[in-house]
Amino acid sequence: MRSRTCVAGALLAISALAACGSANAESEGDAEAPLVEGVTEEVGVLDNTFRPGEITVAAGTEVVWRNGGRNDHNVVSVDDGAWGVDTAEFAPGDEYRHRFTEPGTYAYYCSLHGTTTNGMVGTIVVTG
């Protein structure tokens, strides 16, 4: 009798754990992707180009632009004026940092050496 009670209890515990595992698996798929903390990606600013010209990062990644060239530059957002850096703050040797938290495609350019679509342009693709 005692062994039947133990077996029944063990089966009940296994069933409860299996049910919890199923609920967690479903809710994990619905949850938003966590932000990536402490991760950075670098964009070099040299000789009137952004290197690389396009990068793909996870949401929460901080992008660092480093002006390693001989010229002043700026970083101007094509669609949103909420991020970017002016020429006065981005001379040779300077860096600019921005953390991208929302998935999307963010186009940018240097207004001194390009337009929104030609010349010194770049793109950040942020994945969720």
Foldseek 3Di string as FASTA:
>chain_A
DVVVVVVVVVVVVVVVVVVVVVVVVVVVVVDDDDADPPAEAEWECEDQATVPQEDEEEANYKYKYADQYQAFWKKQWPPDRPDIGDSVQGHHGHMDIDGGHDFDKIKIATPVAADSVDTHIHIYGYDD
